[in-house]
């Protein structure tokens, strides 16, 4: 059973992440949960780096990135959606438990494990180059990235991993005062994912 601290952290994580999906849903008439459910996870494992999703790197022009990401992951729900007014992003693509973001015509960020629905959803079939996946523990993250993982109590618990290609960050399932073996990685993201209040650290 989840502790009160864990419930608080999860509640905060949901609260913080909702604005991203709601902006993406503007004008589409679909709910944030519908966007989150989108399309099933890709069959092949997708590598999530500090500056890329698979071979698609940050900075690539939006049309080329959309084509390459759709080929890699599968069709996104509703195609490219407006995210204007969300600070560092102005367009997005949404799949089940995965989103990618664009700003001024360039690919700028991604986030997986969005927790927008109360329904159980499969984790996105992605991992970092060192093998970190949503659902792994903070202790496992520290073994995979020795000396490179930092945590903070912001938003109920967040982590950041400095890598050669950029910073990978996300939300944690419990507050950082808990044992690392009990704390799980809830999201994996990199680059721009929206306004600072919607960004894990």
C-alpha atoms as a PDB file:
ATOM      1  CA  UNK A   1       0.000   0.000   0.000  1.00  0.00           C
ATOM      2  CA  UNK A   2       1.302   3.473  -0.894  1.00  0.00           C
ATOM      3  CA  UNK A   3       2.287   5.753   1.986  1.00  0.00           C
ATOM      4  CA  UNK A   4       0.738   9.173   2.548  1.00  0.00           C
ATOM      5  CA  UNK A   5       3.958  10.689   1.232  1.00  0.00           C
ATOM      6  CA  UNK A   6       3.758   8.532  -1.873  1.00  0.00           C
ATOM      7  CA  UNK A   7       0.113   9.454  -2.435  1.00  0.00           C
ATOM      8  CA  UNK A   8       1.027  13.110  -2.100  1.00  0.00           C
ATOM      9  CA  UNK A   9       3.904  12.767  -4.552  1.00  0.00           C
ATOM     10  CA  UNK A  10       1.767  10.940  -7.098  1.00  0.00           C
ATOM     11  CA  UNK A  11      -1.010  13.520  -6.704  1.00  0.00           C
ATOM     12  CA  UNK A  12       1.457  16.321  -7.242  1.00  0.00           C
ATOM     13  CA  UNK A  13       2.922  14.579 -10.266  1.00  0.00           C
ATOM     14  CA  UNK A  14      -0.524  14.287 -11.838  1.00  0.00           C
ATOM     15  CA  UNK A  15      -1.328  17.925 -11.055  1.00  0.00           C
ATOM     16  CA  UNK A  16       1.905  19.152 -12.559  1.00  0.00           C
ATOM     17  CA  UNK A  17       1.657  17.064 -15.716  1.00  0.00           C
ATOM     18  CA  UNK A  18      -1.970  17.789 -16.602  1.00  0.00           C
ATOM     19  CA  UNK A  19      -1.356  21.275 -18.106  1.00  0.00           C
ATOM     20  CA  UNK A  20       0.811  19.783 -20.878  1.00  0.00           C
ATOM     21  CA  UNK A  21      -1.916  17.456 -22.093  1.00  0.00           C
ATOM     22  CA  UNK A  22      -4.682  20.018 -21.669  1.00  0.00           C
ATOM     23  CA  UNK A  23      -2.822  22.480 -23.852  1.00  0.00           C
ATOM     24  CA  UNK A  24      -2.358  19.760 -26.444  1.00  0.00           C
ATOM     25  CA  UNK A  25      -6.071  19.026 -26.295  1.00  0.00           C
ATOM     26  CA  UNK A  26      -7.133  22.619 -26.894  1.00  0.00           C
ATOM     27  CA  UNK A  27      -9.546  22.810 -29.747  1.00  0.00           C
ATOM     28  CA  UNK A  28      -9.652  19.069 -30.323  1.00  0.00           C
ATOM     29  CA  UNK A  29     -12.604  18.289 -28.069  1.00  0.00           C
ATOM     30  CA  UNK A  30     -10.781  15.305 -26.570  1.00  0.00           C
ATOM     31  CA  UNK A  31      -9.930  14.892 -22.905  1.00  0.00           C
ATOM     32  CA  UNK A  32      -6.400  14.680 -21.540  1.00  0.00           C
ATOM     33  CA  UNK A  33      -6.999  11.030 -20.641  1.00  0.00           C
ATOM     34  CA  UNK A  34      -8.014  10.257 -24.213  1.00  0.00           C
ATOM     35  CA  UNK A  35      -4.826  11.840 -25.481  1.00  0.00           C
ATOM     36  CA  UNK A  36      -2.771   9.917 -22.945  1.00  0.00           C
ATOM     37  CA  UNK A  37      -4.359   6.643 -24.045  1.00  0.00           C
ATOM     38  CA  UNK A  38      -3.698   7.499 -27.705  1.00  0.00           C
ATOM     39  CA  UNK A  39      -2.035   4.615 -29.470  1.00  0.00           C
ATOM     40  CA  UNK A  40      -0.401   1.502 -28.051  1.00  0.00           C
ATOM     41  CA  UNK A  41       3.303   1.445 -27.201  1.00  0.00           C
ATOM     42  CA  UNK A  42       5.751   0.580 -30.001  1.00  0.00           C
ATOM     43  CA  UNK A  43       6.712  -3.085 -30.402  1.00  0.00           C
ATOM     44  CA  UNK A  44      10.421  -2.305 -30.692  1.00  0.00           C
ATOM     45  CA  UNK A  45      12.318  -0.756 -27.785  1.00  0.00           C
ATOM     46  CA  UNK A  46      12.913   2.980 -28.304  1.00  0.00           C
ATOM     47  CA  UNK A  47      16.129   4.509 -26.914  1.00  0.00           C
ATOM     48  CA  UNK A  48      15.510   7.726 -24.967  1.00  0.00           C
ATOM     49  CA  UNK A  49      18.664   9.853 -24.809  1.00  0.00           C
ATOM     50  CA  UNK A  50      19.444  13.253 -23.358  1.00  0.00           C
ATOM     51  CA  UNK A  51      19.036  14.809 -26.800  1.00  0.00           C
ATOM     52  CA  UNK A  52      17.052  12.329 -28.897  1.00  0.00           C
ATOM     53  CA  UNK A  53      14.332   9.725 -29.283  1.00  0.00           C
ATOM     54  CA  UNK A  54      15.999   6.866 -31.145  1.00  0.00           C
ATOM     55  CA  UNK A  55      17.823   8.460 -34.104  1.00  0.00           C
ATOM     56  CA  UNK A  56      15.628  11.600 -34.074  1.00  0.00           C
ATOM     57  CA  UNK A  57      17.630  14.400 -32.453  1.00  0.00           C
ATOM     58  CA  UNK A  58      16.562  17.658 -30.854  1.00  0.00           C
ATOM     59  CA  UNK A  59      16.839  20.528 -33.318  1.00  0.00           C
ATOM     60  CA  UNK A  60      15.589  18.569 -36.319  1.00  0.00           C
ATOM     61  CA  UNK A  61      12.945  20.419 -38.379  1.00  0.00           C
ATOM     62  CA  UNK A  62       9.424  19.577 -37.230  1.00  0.00           C
ATOM     63  CA  UNK A  63       8.165  18.004 -40.516  1.00  0.00           C
ATOM     64  CA  UNK A  64      11.141  15.625 -40.755  1.00  0.00           C
ATOM     65  CA  UNK A  65      10.997  14.811 -37.035  1.00  0.00           C
ATOM     66  CA  UNK A  66       7.246  14.075 -37.188  1.00  0.00           C
ATOM     67  CA  UNK A  67       7.768  11.695 -40.126  1.00  0.00           C
ATOM     68  CA  UNK A  68      10.704   9.914 -38.449  1.00  0.00           C
ATOM     69  CA  UNK A  69       9.001   9.660 -35.027  1.00  0.00           C
ATOM     70  CA  UNK A  70       5.784   8.322 -36.569  1.00  0.00           C
ATOM     71  CA  UNK A  71       7.792   5.704 -38.444  1.00  0.00           C
ATOM     72  CA  UNK A  72       9.658   4.780 -35.244  1.00  0.00           C
ATOM     73  CA  UNK A  73       6.718   4.717 -32.798  1.00  0.00           C
ATOM     74  CA  UNK A  74       3.566   4.481 -34.909  1.00  0.00           C
ATOM     75  CA  UNK A  75       0.709   6.899 -35.628  1.00  0.00           C
ATOM     76  CA  UNK A  76       0.155   9.564 -32.960  1.00  0.00           C
ATOM     77  CA  UNK A  77      -3.321  10.423 -31.730  1.00  0.00           C
ATOM     78  CA  UNK A  78      -4.704  13.240 -33.848  1.00  0.00           C
ATOM     79  CA  UNK A  79      -1.381  14.114 -35.466  1.00  0.00           C
ATOM     80  CA  UNK A  80       0.450  17.316 -34.532  1.00  0.00           C
ATOM     81  CA  UNK A  81      -1.526  19.314 -31.959  1.00  0.00           C
ATOM     82  CA  UNK A  82      -1.172  22.923 -30.899  1.00  0.00           C
ATOM     83  CA  UNK A  83       0.530  23.615 -27.578  1.00  0.00           C
ATOM     84  CA  UNK A  84       0.794  27.400 -28.016  1.00  0.00           C
ATOM     85  CA  UNK A  85       1.017  29.351 -24.787  1.00  0.00           C
ATOM     86  CA  UNK A  86       2.994  26.593 -23.051  1.00  0.00           C
ATOM     87  CA  UNK A  87       6.265  28.567 -22.740  1.00  0.00           C
ATOM     88  CA  UNK A  88       9.013  26.505 -24.398  1.00  0.00           C
ATOM     89  CA  UNK A  89       6.771  24.381 -26.655  1.00  0.00           C
ATOM     90  CA  UNK A  90       4.132  25.259 -29.249  1.00  0.00           C
ATOM     91  CA  UNK A  91       3.207  21.888 -30.797  1.00  0.00           C
ATOM     92  CA  UNK A  92       3.126  18.243 -29.712  1.00  0.00           C
ATOM     93  CA  UNK A  93       2.489  14.632 -30.702  1.00  0.00           C
ATOM     94  CA  UNK A  94       0.821  12.244 -28.228  1.00  0.00           C
ATOM     95  CA  UNK A  95       0.935   8.450 -27.947  1.00  0.00           C
ATOM     96  CA  UNK A  96       0.015   6.142 -25.057  1.00  0.00           C
ATOM     97  CA  UNK A  97       2.215   7.301 -22.166  1.00  0.00           C
ATOM     98  CA  UNK A  98       4.526   9.277 -24.450  1.00  0.00           C
ATOM     99  CA  UNK A  99       4.674  12.803 -25.870  1.00  0.00           C
ATOM    100  CA  UNK A 100       7.131  14.729 -28.021  1.00  0.00           C
ATOM    101  CA  UNK A 101       7.314  18.509 -28.246  1.00  0.00           C
ATOM    102  CA  UNK A 102       8.214  21.153 -30.818  1.00  0.00           C
ATOM    103  CA  UNK A 103       9.038  24.842 -30.632  1.00  0.00           C
ATOM    104  CA  UNK A 104       9.355  27.262 -33.546  1.00  0.00           C
ATOM    105  CA  UNK A 105       9.452  24.420 -36.044  1.00  0.00           C
ATOM    106  CA  UNK A 106      12.080  22.305 -34.264  1.00  0.00           C
ATOM    107  CA  UNK A 107      11.951  19.083 -32.225  1.00  0.00           C
ATOM    108  CA  UNK A 108      12.813  20.118 -28.650  1.00  0.00           C
ATOM    109  CA  UNK A 109      11.775  17.480 -26.087  1.00  0.00           C
ATOM    110  CA  UNK A 110       9.938  14.359 -24.988  1.00  0.00           C
ATOM    111  CA  UNK A 111       8.284  12.844 -21.936  1.00  0.00           C
ATOM    112  CA  UNK A 112       7.087   9.336 -21.103  1.00  0.00           C
ATOM    113  CA  UNK A 113       5.013   7.969 -18.225  1.00  0.00           C
ATOM    114  CA  UNK A 114       2.508  10.815 -18.100  1.00  0.00           C
ATOM    115  CA  UNK A 115       0.079   9.353 -15.479  1.00  0.00           C
ATOM    116  CA  UNK A 116      -2.937  11.292 -16.763  1.00  0.00           C
ATOM    117  CA  UNK A 117      -5.532   8.558 -16.325  1.00  0.00           C
ATOM    118  CA  UNK A 118      -6.686   6.480 -13.375  1.00  0.00           C
ATOM    119  CA  UNK A 119      -6.789   3.454 -15.702  1.00  0.00           C
ATOM    120  CA  UNK A 120      -3.792   1.092 -15.679  1.00  0.00           C
ATOM    121  CA  UNK A 121      -1.722   1.749 -18.799  1.00  0.00           C
ATOM    122  CA  UNK A 122       1.330  -0.083 -20.066  1.00  0.00           C
ATOM    123  CA  UNK A 123       4.578   1.820 -19.721  1.00  0.00           C
ATOM    124  CA  UNK A 124       5.982   3.190 -22.970  1.00  0.00           C
ATOM    125  CA  UNK A 125       8.421   0.691 -24.503  1.00  0.00           C
ATOM    126  CA  UNK A 126      11.461   2.893 -24.052  1.00  0.00           C
ATOM    127  CA  UNK A 127      14.714   2.958 -22.106  1.00  0.00           C
ATOM    128  CA  UNK A 128      17.748   5.186 -21.757  1.00  0.00           C
ATOM    129  CA  UNK A 129      21.047   4.152 -23.390  1.00  0.00           C
ATOM    130  CA  UNK A 130      22.146   2.694 -20.019  1.00  0.00           C
ATOM    131  CA  UNK A 131      18.892   0.730 -19.685  1.00  0.00           C
ATOM    132  CA  UNK A 132      16.802   2.841 -17.282  1.00  0.00           C
ATOM    133  CA  UNK A 133      13.040   2.361 -17.718  1.00  0.00           C
ATOM    134  CA  UNK A 134       9.876   3.740 -16.132  1.00  0.00           C
ATOM    135  CA  UNK A 135       9.161   1.524 -13.126  1.00  0.00           C
ATOM    136  CA  UNK A 136      12.820   0.986 -12.209  1.00  0.00           C
ATOM    137  CA  UNK A 137      13.847   2.116  -8.736  1.00  0.00           C
ATOM    138  CA  UNK A 138      15.984   5.105  -7.844  1.00  0.00           C
ATOM    139  CA  UNK A 139      18.531   2.607  -6.485  1.00  0.00           C
ATOM    140  CA  UNK A 140      18.692   0.945  -9.925  1.00  0.00           C
ATOM    141  CA  UNK A 141      19.091   4.357 -11.587  1.00  0.00           C
ATOM    142  CA  UNK A 142      22.074   5.091  -9.350  1.00  0.00           C
ATOM    143  CA  UNK A 143      23.672   1.752 -10.284  1.00  0.00           C
ATOM    144  CA  UNK A 144      23.210   2.485 -13.990  1.00  0.00           C
ATOM    145  CA  UNK A 145      24.511   6.069 -13.662  1.00  0.00           C
ATOM    146  CA  UNK A 146      26.929   6.047 -10.690  1.00  0.00           C
ATOM    147  CA  UNK A 147      27.631   9.547  -9.421  1.00  0.00           C
ATOM    148  CA  UNK A 148      25.377  11.214 -12.008  1.00  0.00           C
ATOM    149  CA  UNK A 149      21.913  11.011 -10.393  1.00  0.00           C
ATOM    150  CA  UNK A 150      20.646  13.915  -8.300  1.00  0.00           C
ATOM    151  CA  UNK A 151      17.265  14.237  -6.576  1.00  0.00           C
ATOM    152  CA  UNK A 152      15.115  17.014  -5.176  1.00  0.00           C
ATOM    153  CA  UNK A 153      11.971  17.231  -3.082  1.00  0.00           C
ATOM    154  CA  UNK A 154      10.328  19.545  -5.648  1.00  0.00           C
ATOM    155  CA  UNK A 155       6.864  18.479  -6.840  1.00  0.00           C
ATOM    156  CA  UNK A 156       6.852  15.491  -4.483  1.00  0.00           C
ATOM    157  CA  UNK A 157      10.178  14.116  -5.731  1.00  0.00           C
ATOM    158  CA  UNK A 158      12.170  14.534  -8.942  1.00  0.00           C
ATOM    159  CA  UNK A 159      15.470  13.231 -10.293  1.00  0.00           C
ATOM    160  CA  UNK A 160      18.011  14.359 -12.890  1.00  0.00           C
ATOM    161  CA  UNK A 161      20.783  12.415 -14.618  1.00  0.00           C
ATOM    162  CA  UNK A 162      23.636  14.264 -16.310  1.00  0.00           C
ATOM    163  CA  UNK A 163      24.727  12.378 -19.428  1.00  0.00           C
ATOM    164  CA  UNK A 164      27.109  13.068 -22.293  1.00  0.00           C
ATOM    165  CA  UNK A 165      24.154  13.909 -24.554  1.00  0.00           C
ATOM    166  CA  UNK A 166      22.151  16.036 -22.116  1.00  0.00           C
ATOM    167  CA  UNK A 167      20.113  15.803 -18.926  1.00  0.00           C
ATOM    168  CA  UNK A 168      17.478  13.105 -18.479  1.00  0.00           C
ATOM    169  CA  UNK A 169      14.971  13.942 -15.750  1.00  0.00           C
ATOM    170  CA  UNK A 170      11.605  12.979 -14.347  1.00  0.00           C
ATOM    171  CA  UNK A 171       9.262  12.453 -11.434  1.00  0.00           C
ATOM    172  CA  UNK A 172       9.618   9.921  -8.622  1.00  0.00           C
ATOM    173  CA  UNK A 173       6.869   7.799  -7.031  1.00  0.00           C
ATOM    174  CA  UNK A 174       7.736   8.784  -3.462  1.00  0.00           C
ATOM    175  CA  UNK A 175       9.363  11.676  -1.647  1.00  0.00           C
ATOM    176  CA  UNK A 176      13.159  11.492  -1.621  1.00  0.00           C
ATOM    177  CA  UNK A 177      13.275  10.857   2.137  1.00  0.00           C
ATOM    178  CA  UNK A 178      12.185   7.258   1.419  1.00  0.00           C
ATOM    179  CA  UNK A 179      14.718   4.452   0.781  1.00  0.00           C
ATOM    180  CA  UNK A 180      15.958   4.554  -2.855  1.00  0.00           C
ATOM    181  CA  UNK A 181      14.991   0.886  -3.272  1.00  0.00           C
ATOM    182  CA  UNK A 182      11.332   1.848  -2.638  1.00  0.00           C
ATOM    183  CA  UNK A 183      11.238   4.930  -4.888  1.00  0.00           C
ATOM    184  CA  UNK A 184      10.299   4.270  -8.525  1.00  0.00           C
ATOM    185  CA  UNK A 185      11.003   6.225 -11.686  1.00  0.00           C
ATOM    186  CA  UNK A 186       7.602   7.554 -12.815  1.00  0.00           C
ATOM    187  CA  UNK A 187       8.628   9.543 -15.895  1.00  0.00           C
ATOM    188  CA  UNK A 188      11.618   9.912 -18.211  1.00  0.00           C
ATOM    189  CA  UNK A 189      12.000  13.181 -20.094  1.00  0.00           C
ATOM    190  CA  UNK A 190      14.574  15.396 -21.750  1.00  0.00           C
ATOM    191  CA  UNK A 191      14.678  18.771 -23.424  1.00  0.00           C
ATOM    192  CA  UNK A 192      11.745  21.199 -23.300  1.00  0.00           C
ATOM    193  CA  UNK A 193       8.437  19.822 -22.030  1.00  0.00           C
ATOM    194  CA  UNK A 194       6.552  23.077 -21.401  1.00  0.00           C
ATOM    195  CA  UNK A 195       6.387  25.800 -18.775  1.00  0.00           C
ATOM    196  CA  UNK A 196       8.680  25.437 -15.737  1.00  0.00           C
ATOM    197  CA  UNK A 197       5.733  24.458 -13.513  1.00  0.00           C
ATOM    198  CA  UNK A 198       5.127  21.485 -15.828  1.00  0.00           C
ATOM    199  CA  UNK A 199       8.757  20.425 -15.934  1.00  0.00           C
ATOM    200  CA  UNK A 200      10.417  17.981 -13.530  1.00  0.00           C
ATOM    201  CA  UNK A 201      13.216  20.132 -12.139  1.00  0.00           C
END
